[in-house]
Full PDB file with SEQRES, HELIX, SHEET, SSBOND, CRYST1, ORIGX, SCALE, CONECT and MASTER records, all heavy atoms in Angstrom:
SEQRES   1 A   40  ASN ASN ALA LYS ASN VAL ASN ILE THR LYS VAL ILE ASN          
SEQRES   2 A   40  ASN GLY CYS ASP ASN LYS SER ASN ILE GLU VAL ILE ASP          
SEQRES   3 A   40  LEU ILE ASN LYS HIS ASN ASN MET TYR GLY ALA ILE GLY          
SEQRES   4 A   40  ILE                                                          
HELIX    1 AA1 ASN A    2  ASN A    5  1                                   4    
HELIX    2 AA2 ASN A   18  LYS A   30  1                                  13    
SHEET    1 AA1 2 VAL A  11  ASN A  14  0                                        
SHEET    2 AA1 2 MET A  34  ALA A  37  1                                        
CRYST1    1.000    1.000    1.000  90.00  90.00  90.00 P 1           1          
ORIGX1      1.000000  0.000000  0.000000        0.00000                         
ORIGX2      0.000000  1.000000  0.000000        0.00000                         
ORIGX3      0.000000  0.000000  1.000000        0.00000                         
SCALE1      1.000000  0.000000  0.000000        0.00000                         
SCALE2      0.000000  1.000000  0.000000        0.00000                         
SCALE3      0.000000  0.000000  1.000000        0.00000                         
ATOM      1  N   ASN A   1     141.195 127.822  61.914  1.00  0.00           N  
ATOM      2  CA  ASN A   1     141.952 127.434  63.105  1.00  0.00           C  
ATOM      3  C   ASN A   1     143.073 126.453  62.745  1.00  0.00           C  
ATOM      4  O   ASN A   1     144.177 126.527  63.301  1.00  0.00           O  
ATOM      5  CB  ASN A   1     141.037 126.819  64.164  1.00  0.00           C  
ATOM      6  CG  ASN A   1     140.238 127.863  64.924  1.00  0.00           C  
ATOM      7  OD1 ASN A   1     140.643 129.028  64.986  1.00  0.00           O  
ATOM      8  ND2 ASN A   1     139.110 127.470  65.479  1.00  0.00           N  
ATOM      9  N   ASN A   2     142.786 125.533  61.814  1.00  0.00           N  
ATOM     10  CA  ASN A   2     143.821 124.591  61.351  1.00  0.00           C  
ATOM     11  C   ASN A   2     145.007 125.356  60.774  1.00  0.00           C  
ATOM     12  O   ASN A   2     146.170 124.997  60.996  1.00  0.00           O  
ATOM     13  CB  ASN A   2     143.264 123.654  60.282  1.00  0.00           C  
ATOM     14  CG  ASN A   2     142.264 122.659  60.818  1.00  0.00           C  
ATOM     15  OD1 ASN A   2     142.188 122.443  62.032  1.00  0.00           O  
ATOM     16  ND2 ASN A   2     141.485 122.060  59.933  1.00  0.00           N  
ATOM     17  N   ALA A   3     144.697 126.412  60.024  1.00  0.00           N  
ATOM     18  CA  ALA A   3     145.754 127.238  59.435  1.00  0.00           C  
ATOM     19  C   ALA A   3     146.530 127.972  60.535  1.00  0.00           C  
ATOM     20  O   ALA A   3     147.773 127.984  60.532  1.00  0.00           O  
ATOM     21  CB  ALA A   3     145.149 128.230  58.451  1.00  0.00           C  
ATOM     22  N   LYS A   4     145.806 128.545  61.465  1.00  0.00           N  
ATOM     23  CA  LYS A   4     146.441 129.300  62.546  1.00  0.00           C  
ATOM     24  C   LYS A   4     147.383 128.423  63.370  1.00  0.00           C  
ATOM     25  O   LYS A   4     148.446 128.872  63.820  1.00  0.00           O  
ATOM     26  CB  LYS A   4     145.349 129.897  63.447  1.00  0.00           C  
ATOM     27  CG  LYS A   4     145.835 130.952  64.421  1.00  0.00           C  
ATOM     28  CD  LYS A   4     144.658 131.571  65.166  1.00  0.00           C  
ATOM     29  CE  LYS A   4     145.141 132.642  66.144  1.00  0.00           C  
ATOM     30  NZ  LYS A   4     144.010 133.233  66.897  1.00  0.00           N  
ATOM     31  N   ASN A   5     147.021 127.150  63.518  1.00  0.00           N  
ATOM     32  CA  ASN A   5     147.824 126.220  64.316  1.00  0.00           C  
ATOM     33  C   ASN A   5     149.183 125.930  63.700  1.00  0.00           C  
ATOM     34  O   ASN A   5     150.092 125.443  64.389  1.00  0.00           O  
ATOM     35  CB  ASN A   5     147.057 124.907  64.524  1.00  0.00           C  
ATOM     36  CG  ASN A   5     145.895 125.060  65.494  1.00  0.00           C  
ATOM     37  OD1 ASN A   5     145.868 125.998  66.293  1.00  0.00           O  
ATOM     38  ND2 ASN A   5     144.928 124.156  65.423  1.00  0.00           N  
ATOM     39  N   VAL A   6     149.341 126.185  62.399  1.00  0.00           N  
ATOM     40  CA  VAL A   6     150.648 126.000  61.752  1.00  0.00           C  
ATOM     41  C   VAL A   6     151.203 127.353  61.276  1.00  0.00           C  
ATOM     42  O   VAL A   6     151.964 127.433  60.318  1.00  0.00           O  
ATOM     43  CB  VAL A   6     150.593 124.974  60.594  1.00  0.00           C  
ATOM     44  CG1 VAL A   6     150.432 123.562  61.133  1.00  0.00           C  
ATOM     45  CG2 VAL A   6     149.483 125.317  59.600  1.00  0.00           C  
ATOM     46  N   ASN A   7     150.794 128.419  61.971  1.00  0.00           N  
ATOM     47  CA  ASN A   7     151.314 129.776  61.737  1.00  0.00           C  
ATOM     48  C   ASN A   7     150.962 130.357  60.375  1.00  0.00           C  
ATOM     49  O   ASN A   7     151.712 131.164  59.827  1.00  0.00           O  
ATOM     50  CB  ASN A   7     152.829 129.825  61.947  1.00  0.00           C  
ATOM     51  CG  ASN A   7     153.191 129.751  63.421  1.00  0.00           C  
ATOM     52  OD1 ASN A   7     152.435 130.213  64.274  1.00  0.00           O  
ATOM     53  ND2 ASN A   7     154.330 129.161  63.722  1.00  0.00           N  
ATOM     54  N   ILE A   8     149.808 129.945  59.823  1.00  0.00           N  
ATOM     55  CA  ILE A   8     149.239 130.641  58.663  1.00  0.00           C  
ATOM     56  C   ILE A   8     148.292 131.679  59.262  1.00  0.00           C  
ATOM     57  O   ILE A   8     147.166 131.356  59.641  1.00  0.00           O  
ATOM     58  CB  ILE A   8     148.488 129.683  57.707  1.00  0.00           C  
ATOM     59  CG1 ILE A   8     149.280 128.400  57.463  1.00  0.00           C  
ATOM     60  CG2 ILE A   8     148.125 130.399  56.416  1.00  0.00           C  
ATOM     61  CD1 ILE A   8     150.668 128.616  56.910  1.00  0.00           C  
ATOM     62  N   THR A   9     148.765 132.906  59.356  1.00  0.00           N  
ATOM     63  CA  THR A   9     148.070 133.894  60.182  1.00  0.00           C  
ATOM     64  C   THR A   9     146.931 134.612  59.474  1.00  0.00           C  
ATOM     65  O   THR A   9     146.025 135.142  60.115  1.00  0.00           O  
ATOM     66  CB  THR A   9     149.061 134.944  60.702  1.00  0.00           C  
ATOM     67  OG1 THR A   9     149.701 135.561  59.568  1.00  0.00           O  
ATOM     68  CG2 THR A   9     150.120 134.311  61.591  1.00  0.00           C  
ATOM     69  N   LYS A  10     146.983 134.656  58.134  1.00  0.00           N  
ATOM     70  CA  LYS A  10     145.953 135.357  57.372  1.00  0.00           C  
ATOM     71  C   LYS A  10     145.685 134.602  56.085  1.00  0.00           C  
ATOM     72  O   LYS A  10     146.553 133.887  55.558  1.00  0.00           O  
ATOM     73  CB  LYS A  10     146.374 136.795  57.036  1.00  0.00           C  
ATOM     74  CG  LYS A  10     146.606 137.692  58.243  1.00  0.00           C  
ATOM     75  CD  LYS A  10     147.026 139.084  57.800  1.00  0.00           C  
ATOM     76  CE  LYS A  10     147.244 140.002  58.994  1.00  0.00           C  
ATOM     77  NZ  LYS A  10     148.472 139.671  59.742  1.00  0.00           N  
ATOM     78  N   VAL A  11     144.468 134.792  55.551  1.00  0.00           N  
ATOM     79  CA  VAL A  11     144.117 134.232  54.246  1.00  0.00           C  
ATOM     80  C   VAL A  11     143.417 135.307  53.426  1.00  0.00           C  
ATOM     81  O   VAL A  11     142.765 136.193  53.970  1.00  0.00           O  
ATOM     82  CB  VAL A  11     143.210 132.980  54.366  1.00  0.00           C  
ATOM     83  CG1 VAL A  11     143.859 131.900  55.232  1.00  0.00           C  
ATOM     84  CG2 VAL A  11     141.825 133.332  54.903  1.00  0.00           C  
ATOM     85  N   ILE A  12     143.600 135.216  52.113  1.00  0.00           N  
ATOM     86  CA  ILE A  12     142.876 136.093  51.184  1.00  0.00           C  
ATOM     87  C   ILE A  12     141.879 135.215  50.426  1.00  0.00           C  
ATOM     88  O   ILE A  12     142.271 134.354  49.633  1.00  0.00           O  
ATOM     89  CB  ILE A  12     143.828 136.811  50.218  1.00  0.00           C  
ATOM     90  CG1 ILE A  12     144.838 137.659  50.999  1.00  0.00           C  
ATOM     91  CG2 ILE A  12     143.028 137.693  49.252  1.00  0.00           C  
ATOM     92  CD1 ILE A  12     145.900 138.316  50.138  1.00  0.00           C  
ATOM     93  N   ASN A  13     140.607 135.431  50.714  1.00  0.00           N  
ATOM     94  CA  ASN A  13     139.538 134.627  50.128  1.00  0.00           C  
ATOM     95  C   ASN A  13     139.098 135.263  48.806  1.00  0.00           C  
ATOM     96  O   ASN A  13     138.758 136.453  48.769  1.00  0.00           O  
ATOM     97  CB  ASN A  13     138.360 134.555  51.105  1.00  0.00           C  
ATOM     98  CG  ASN A  13     137.510 133.323  50.909  1.00  0.00           C  
ATOM     99  OD1 ASN A  13     137.864 132.418  50.167  1.00  0.00           O  
ATOM    100  ND2 ASN A  13     136.367 133.283  51.584  1.00  0.00           N  
ATOM    101  N   ASN A  14     139.101 134.491  47.737  1.00  0.00           N  
ATOM    102  CA  ASN A  14     138.843 135.015  46.393  1.00  0.00           C  
ATOM    103  C   ASN A  14     137.468 134.612  45.873  1.00  0.00           C  
ATOM    104  O   ASN A  14     137.152 133.417  45.790  1.00  0.00           O  
ATOM    105  CB  ASN A  14     139.886 134.481  45.411  1.00  0.00           C  
ATOM    106  CG  ASN A  14     141.200 135.217  45.490  1.00  0.00           C  
ATOM    107  OD1 ASN A  14     141.621 135.895  44.566  1.00  0.00           O  
ATOM    108  ND2 ASN A  14     141.874 135.080  46.639  1.00  0.00           N  
ATOM    109  N   GLY A  15     136.673 135.608  45.494  1.00  0.00           N  
ATOM    110  CA  GLY A  15     135.411 135.338  44.833  1.00  0.00           C  
ATOM    111  C   GLY A  15     135.613 135.102  43.346  1.00  0.00           C  
ATOM    112  O   GLY A  15     136.658 135.447  42.784  1.00  0.00           O  
ATOM    113  N   CYS A  16     134.591 134.549  42.706  1.00  0.00           N  
ATOM    114  CA  CYS A  16     134.688 134.302  41.255  1.00  0.00           C  
ATOM    115  C   CYS A  16     133.357 134.532  40.543  1.00  0.00           C  
ATOM    116  O   CYS A  16     133.295 134.510  39.311  1.00  0.00           O  
ATOM    117  CB  CYS A  16     135.218 132.905  40.970  1.00  0.00           C  
ATOM    118  SG  CYS A  16     134.312 131.596  41.779  1.00  0.00           S  
ATOM    119  N   ASP A  17     132.289 134.761  41.297  1.00  0.00           N  
ATOM    120  CA  ASP A  17     130.981 135.082  40.725  1.00  0.00           C  
ATOM    121  C   ASP A  17     130.184 135.824  41.799  1.00  0.00           C  
ATOM    122  O   ASP A  17     130.689 136.042  42.902  1.00  0.00           O  
ATOM    123  CB  ASP A  17     130.259 133.817  40.242  1.00  0.00           C  
ATOM    124  CG  ASP A  17     130.036 132.788  41.339  1.00  0.00           C  
ATOM    125  OD1 ASP A  17     130.192 133.116  42.542  1.00  0.00           O  
ATOM    126  OD2 ASP A  17     129.721 131.631  41.010  1.00  0.00           O  
ATOM    127  N   ASN A  18     128.971 136.206  41.485  1.00  0.00           N  
ATOM    128  CA  ASN A  18     128.230 137.031  42.430  1.00  0.00           C  
ATOM    129  C   ASN A  18     127.957 136.306  43.749  1.00  0.00           C  
ATOM    130  O   ASN A  18     128.092 136.885  44.827  1.00  0.00           O  
ATOM    131  CB  ASN A  18     126.905 137.494  41.815  1.00  0.00           C  
ATOM    132  CG  ASN A  18     126.292 138.656  42.590  1.00  0.00           C  
ATOM    133  OD1 ASN A  18     126.939 139.671  42.800  1.00  0.00           O  
ATOM    134  ND2 ASN A  18     125.056 138.484  43.026  1.00  0.00           N  
ATOM    135  N   LYS A  19     127.607 135.031  43.665  1.00  0.00           N  
ATOM    136  CA  LYS A  19     127.321 134.256  44.874  1.00  0.00           C  
ATOM    137  C   LYS A  19     128.539 134.213  45.801  1.00  0.00           C  
ATOM    138  O   LYS A  19     128.434 134.467  47.001  1.00  0.00           O  
ATOM    139  CB  LYS A  19     126.897 132.834  44.498  1.00  0.00           C  
ATOM    140  CG  LYS A  19     126.599 131.953  45.699  1.00  0.00           C  
ATOM    141  CD  LYS A  19     126.329 130.517  45.272  1.00  0.00           C  
ATOM    142  CE  LYS A  19     126.165 129.615  46.498  1.00  0.00           C  
ATOM    143  NZ  LYS A  19     126.067 128.180  46.120  1.00  0.00           N  
ATOM    144  N   SER A  20     129.707 133.884  45.236  1.00  0.00           N  
ATOM    145  CA  SER A  20     130.906 133.788  46.070  1.00  0.00           C  
ATOM    146  C   SER A  20     131.379 135.165  46.529  1.00  0.00           C  
ATOM    147  O   SER A  20     131.900 135.308  47.638  1.00  0.00           O  
ATOM    148  CB  SER A  20     132.019 133.033  45.348  1.00  0.00           C  
ATOM    149  OG  SER A  20     132.341 133.632  44.116  1.00  0.00           O  
ATOM    150  N   ASN A  21     131.186 136.195  45.705  1.00  0.00           N  
ATOM    151  CA  ASN A  21     131.556 137.544  46.126  1.00  0.00           C  
ATOM    152  C   ASN A  21     130.756 137.984  47.350  1.00  0.00           C  
ATOM    153  O   ASN A  21     131.302 138.589  48.281  1.00  0.00           O  
ATOM    154  CB  ASN A  21     131.340 138.541  44.990  1.00  0.00           C  
ATOM    155  CG  ASN A  21     132.352 138.387  43.872  1.00  0.00           C  
ATOM    156  OD1 ASN A  21     133.456 137.902  44.080  1.00  0.00           O  
ATOM    157  ND2 ASN A  21     131.974 138.801  42.665  1.00  0.00           N  
ATOM    158  N   ILE A  22     129.477 137.667  47.351  1.00  0.00           N  
ATOM    159  CA  ILE A  22     128.626 138.001  48.501  1.00  0.00           C  
ATOM    160  C   ILE A  22     129.116 137.269  49.751  1.00  0.00           C  
ATOM    161  O   ILE A  22     129.190 137.836  50.845  1.00  0.00           O  
ATOM    162  CB  ILE A  22     127.146 137.665  48.203  1.00  0.00           C  
ATOM    163  CG1 ILE A  22     126.590 138.646  47.153  1.00  0.00           C  
ATOM    164  CG2 ILE A  22     126.306 137.693  49.478  1.00  0.00           C  
ATOM    165  CD1 ILE A  22     125.226 138.262  46.602  1.00  0.00           C  
ATOM    166  N   GLU A  23     129.504 135.992  49.573  1.00  0.00           N  
ATOM    167  CA  GLU A  23     129.989 135.219  50.722  1.00  0.00           C  
ATOM    168  C   GLU A  23     131.336 135.751  51.206  1.00  0.00           C  
ATOM    169  O   GLU A  23     131.598 135.759  52.414  1.00  0.00           O  
ATOM    170  CB  GLU A  23     130.077 133.726  50.386  1.00  0.00           C  
ATOM    171  CG  GLU A  23     130.292 132.881  51.625  1.00  0.00           C  
ATOM    172  CD  GLU A  23     130.087 131.386  51.419  1.00  0.00           C  
ATOM    173  OE1 GLU A  23     129.711 130.972  50.299  1.00  0.00           O  
ATOM    174  OE2 GLU A  23     130.319 130.631  52.377  1.00  0.00           O  
ATOM    175  N   VAL A  24     132.196 136.189  50.282  1.00  0.00           N  
ATOM    176  CA  VAL A  24     133.470 136.802  50.676  1.00  0.00           C  
ATOM    177  C   VAL A  24     133.214 137.975  51.620  1.00  0.00           C  
ATOM    178  O   VAL A  24     133.836 138.078  52.685  1.00  0.00           O  
ATOM    179  CB  VAL A  24     134.281 137.286  49.448  1.00  0.00           C  
ATOM    180  CG1 VAL A  24     135.390 138.244  49.876  1.00  0.00           C  
ATOM    181  CG2 VAL A  24     134.882 136.112  48.696  1.00  0.00           C  
ATOM    182  N   ILE A  25     132.306 138.852  51.234  1.00  0.00           N  
ATOM    183  CA  ILE A  25     132.014 140.033  52.053  1.00  0.00           C  
ATOM    184  C   ILE A  25     131.496 139.625  53.428  1.00  0.00           C  
ATOM    185  O   ILE A  25     131.915 140.168  54.463  1.00  0.00           O  
ATOM    186  CB  ILE A  25     131.002 140.969  51.346  1.00  0.00           C  
ATOM    187  CG1 ILE A  25     131.562 141.473  50.009  1.00  0.00           C  
ATOM    188  CG2 ILE A  25     130.624 142.142  52.253  1.00  0.00           C  
ATOM    189  CD1 ILE A  25     132.859 142.240  50.102  1.00  0.00           C  
ATOM    190  N   ASP A  26     130.611 138.648  53.454  1.00  0.00           N  
ATOM    191  CA  ASP A  26     130.066 138.169  54.724  1.00  0.00           C  
ATOM    192  C   ASP A  26     131.177 137.603  55.620  1.00  0.00           C  
ATOM    193  O   ASP A  26     131.261 137.927  56.811  1.00  0.00           O  
ATOM    194  CB  ASP A  26     129.003 137.103  54.454  1.00  0.00           C  
ATOM    195  CG  ASP A  26     128.398 136.549  55.730  1.00  0.00           C  
ATOM    196  OD1 ASP A  26     127.925 137.350  56.564  1.00  0.00           O  
ATOM    197  OD2 ASP A  26     128.407 135.313  55.913  1.00  0.00           O  
ATOM    198  N   LEU A  27     132.059 136.786  55.034  1.00  0.00           N  
ATOM    199  CA  LEU A  27     133.090 136.103  55.818  1.00  0.00           C  
ATOM    200  C   LEU A  27     134.183 137.054  56.316  1.00  0.00           C  
ATOM    201  O   LEU A  27     134.647 136.924  57.445  1.00  0.00           O  
ATOM    202  CB  LEU A  27     133.710 134.969  54.999  1.00  0.00           C  
ATOM    203  CG  LEU A  27     132.801 133.758  54.756  1.00  0.00           C  
ATOM    204  CD1 LEU A  27     133.426 132.817  53.730  1.00  0.00           C  
ATOM    205  CD2 LEU A  27     132.539 133.007  56.061  1.00  0.00           C  
ATOM    206  N   ILE A  28     134.589 137.996  55.488  1.00  0.00           N  
ATOM    207  CA  ILE A  28     135.659 138.906  55.939  1.00  0.00           C  
ATOM    208  C   ILE A  28     135.166 139.826  57.044  1.00  0.00           C  
ATOM    209  O   ILE A  28     135.962 140.287  57.868  1.00  0.00           O  
ATOM    210  CB  ILE A  28     136.274 139.723  54.778  1.00  0.00           C  
ATOM    211  CG1 ILE A  28     135.257 140.669  54.144  1.00  0.00           C  
ATOM    212  CG2 ILE A  28     136.924 138.813  53.754  1.00  0.00           C  
ATOM    213  CD1 ILE A  28     135.837 141.584  53.064  1.00  0.00           C  
ATOM    214  N   ASN A  29     133.864 140.065  57.081  1.00  0.00           N  
ATOM    215  CA  ASN A  29     133.303 140.870  58.169  1.00  0.00           C  
ATOM    216  C   ASN A  29     133.197 140.074  59.466  1.00  0.00           C  
ATOM    217  O   ASN A  29     133.121 140.660  60.553  1.00  0.00           O  
ATOM    218  CB  ASN A  29     131.933 141.414  57.768  1.00  0.00           C  
ATOM    219  CG  ASN A  29     132.027 142.505  56.713  1.00  0.00           C  
ATOM    220  OD1 ASN A  29     133.041 143.200  56.612  1.00  0.00           O  
ATOM    221  ND2 ASN A  29     130.990 142.659  55.906  1.00  0.00           N  
ATOM    222  N   LYS A  30     133.219 138.746  59.354  1.00  0.00           N  
ATOM    223  CA  LYS A  30     133.104 137.868  60.533  1.00  0.00           C  
ATOM    224  C   LYS A  30     134.463 137.456  61.098  1.00  0.00           C  
ATOM    225  O   LYS A  30     134.589 137.224  62.301  1.00  0.00           O  
ATOM    226  CB  LYS A  30     132.328 136.602  60.175  1.00  0.00           C  
ATOM    227  CG  LYS A  30     130.839 136.783  60.027  1.00  0.00           C  
ATOM    228  CD  LYS A  30     130.204 135.445  59.678  1.00  0.00           C  
ATOM    229  CE  LYS A  30     128.703 135.589  59.476  1.00  0.00           C  
ATOM    230  NZ  LYS A  30     128.101 134.303  58.980  1.00  0.00           N  
ATOM    231  N   HIS A  31     135.460 137.285  60.222  1.00  0.00           N  
ATOM    232  CA  HIS A  31     136.733 136.681  60.635  1.00  0.00           C  
ATOM    233  C   HIS A  31     137.877 137.686  60.511  1.00  0.00           C  
ATOM    234  O   HIS A  31     138.198 138.148  59.410  1.00  0.00           O  
ATOM    235  CB  HIS A  31     137.031 135.444  59.784  1.00  0.00           C  
ATOM    236  CG  HIS A  31     135.992 134.372  59.898  1.00  0.00           C  
ATOM    237  ND1 HIS A  31     135.887 133.547  60.996  1.00  0.00           N  
ATOM    238  CD2 HIS A  31     134.999 133.997  59.043  1.00  0.00           C  
ATOM    239  CE1 HIS A  31     134.885 132.699  60.826  1.00  0.00           C  
ATOM    240  NE2 HIS A  31     134.325 132.956  59.647  1.00  0.00           N  
ATOM    241  N   ASN A  32     138.525 137.969  61.635  1.00  0.00           N  
ATOM    242  CA  ASN A  32     139.598 138.961  61.660  1.00  0.00           C  
ATOM    243  C   ASN A  32     140.773 138.599  60.765  1.00  0.00           C  
ATOM    244  O   ASN A  32     141.445 139.481  60.222  1.00  0.00           O  
ATOM    245  CB  ASN A  32     140.107 139.163  63.097  1.00  0.00           C  
ATOM    246  CG  ASN A  32     139.091 139.871  63.969  1.00  0.00           C  
ATOM    247  OD1 ASN A  32     138.235 140.605  63.465  1.00  0.00           O  
ATOM    248  ND2 ASN A  32     139.166 139.658  65.275  1.00  0.00           N  
ATOM    249  N   ASN A  33     141.054 137.317  60.638  1.00  0.00           N  
ATOM    250  CA  ASN A  33     142.249 136.882  59.898  1.00  0.00           C  
ATOM    251  C   ASN A  33     141.959 136.583  58.431  1.00  0.00           C  
ATOM    252  O   ASN A  33     142.792 135.996  57.738  1.00  0.00           O  
ATOM    253  CB  ASN A  33     142.881 135.656  60.566  1.00  0.00           C  
ATOM    254  CG  ASN A  33     141.926 134.472  60.673  1.00  0.00           C  
ATOM    255  OD1 ASN A  33     140.710 134.646  60.618  1.00  0.00           O  
ATOM    256  ND2 ASN A  33     142.478 133.280  60.827  1.00  0.00           N  
ATOM    257  N   MET A  34     140.788 136.986  57.943  1.00  0.00           N  
ATOM    258  CA  MET A  34     140.441 136.772  56.534  1.00  0.00           C  
ATOM    259  C   MET A  34     140.251 138.118  55.823  1.00  0.00           C  
ATOM    260  O   MET A  34     139.555 138.999  56.317  1.00  0.00           O  
ATOM    261  CB  MET A  34     139.162 135.936  56.393  1.00  0.00           C  
ATOM    262  CG  MET A  34     138.780 135.655  54.943  1.00  0.00           C  
ATOM    263  SD  MET A  34     137.191 134.769  54.776  1.00  0.00           S  
ATOM    264  CE  MET A  34     137.673 133.116  55.284  1.00  0.00           C  
ATOM    265  N   TYR A  35     140.904 138.220  54.670  1.00  0.00           N  
ATOM    266  CA  TYR A  35     140.732 139.365  53.773  1.00  0.00           C  
ATOM    267  C   TYR A  35     140.110 138.861  52.481  1.00  0.00           C  
ATOM    268  O   TYR A  35     140.052 137.644  52.244  1.00  0.00           O  
ATOM    269  CB  TYR A  35     142.077 140.046  53.512  1.00  0.00           C  
ATOM    270  CG  TYR A  35     142.635 140.718  54.746  1.00  0.00           C  
ATOM    271  CD1 TYR A  35     143.291 139.974  55.724  1.00  0.00           C  
ATOM    272  CD2 TYR A  35     142.502 142.088  54.946  1.00  0.00           C  
ATOM    273  CE1 TYR A  35     143.783 140.575  56.878  1.00  0.00           C  
ATOM    274  CE2 TYR A  35     142.999 142.697  56.090  1.00  0.00           C  
ATOM    275  CZ  TYR A  35     143.631 141.934  57.051  1.00  0.00           C  
ATOM    276  OH  TYR A  35     144.117 142.536  58.187  1.00  0.00           O  
ATOM    277  N   GLY A  36     139.643 139.790  51.649  1.00  0.00           N  
ATOM    278  CA  GLY A  36     138.901 139.356  50.474  1.00  0.00           C  
ATOM    279  C   GLY A  36     139.336 139.988  49.175  1.00  0.00           C  
ATOM    280  O   GLY A  36     139.855 141.113  49.141  1.00  0.00           O  
ATOM    281  N   ALA A  37     139.123 139.231  48.102  1.00  0.00           N  
ATOM    282  CA  ALA A  37     139.189 139.750  46.735  1.00  0.00           C  
ATOM    283  C   ALA A  37     137.864 139.388  46.083  1.00  0.00           C  
ATOM    284  O   ALA A  37     137.358 138.278  46.270  1.00  0.00           O  
ATOM    285  CB  ALA A  37     140.349 139.134  45.972  1.00  0.00           C  
ATOM    286  N   ILE A  38     137.291 140.325  45.343  1.00  0.00           N  
ATOM    287  CA  ILE A  38     136.028 140.043  44.664  1.00  0.00           C  
ATOM    288  C   ILE A  38     136.178 140.340  43.176  1.00  0.00           C  
ATOM    289  O   ILE A  38     136.839 141.291  42.774  1.00  0.00           O  
ATOM    290  CB  ILE A  38     134.854 140.847  45.283  1.00  0.00           C  
ATOM    291  CG1 ILE A  38     135.184 142.343  45.400  1.00  0.00           C  
ATOM    292  CG2 ILE A  38     134.482 140.273  46.646  1.00  0.00           C  
ATOM    293  CD1 ILE A  38     134.024 143.190  45.946  1.00  0.00           C  
ATOM    294  N   GLY A  39     135.574 139.478  42.376  1.00  0.00           N  
ATOM    295  CA  GLY A  39     135.682 139.629  40.932  1.00  0.00           C  
ATOM    296  C   GLY A  39     134.868 138.563  40.218  1.00  0.00           C  
ATOM    297  O   GLY A  39     134.280 137.680  40.856  1.00  0.00           O  
ATOM    298  N   ILE A  40     134.846 138.649  38.900  1.00  0.00           N  
ATOM    299  CA  ILE A  40     134.123 137.659  38.090  1.00  0.00           C  
ATOM    300  C   ILE A  40     135.137 136.904  37.243  1.00  0.00           C  
ATOM    301  O   ILE A  40     135.853 137.494  36.422  1.00  0.00           O  
ATOM    302  CB  ILE A  40     133.053 138.327  37.214  1.00  0.00           C  
ATOM    303  CG1 ILE A  40     132.036 139.049  38.108  1.00  0.00           C  
ATOM    304  CG2 ILE A  40     132.353 137.283  36.340  1.00  0.00           C  
ATOM    305  CD1 ILE A  40     131.058 139.917  37.351  1.00  0.00           C  
TER     306      ILE A  40                                                      
MASTER        0    0    0    2    2    0    0    6  305    1    0    4          
END                                                                             
């Protein structure tokens, strides 16, 4: 919301290990303005 308030309309959330990759998938499914990259 802080980002949206200054016209940052989308974010690309980057994973870096299995734990964060799993969280990326969970979050992008919850938040319309978030996209994901997954990798190690």
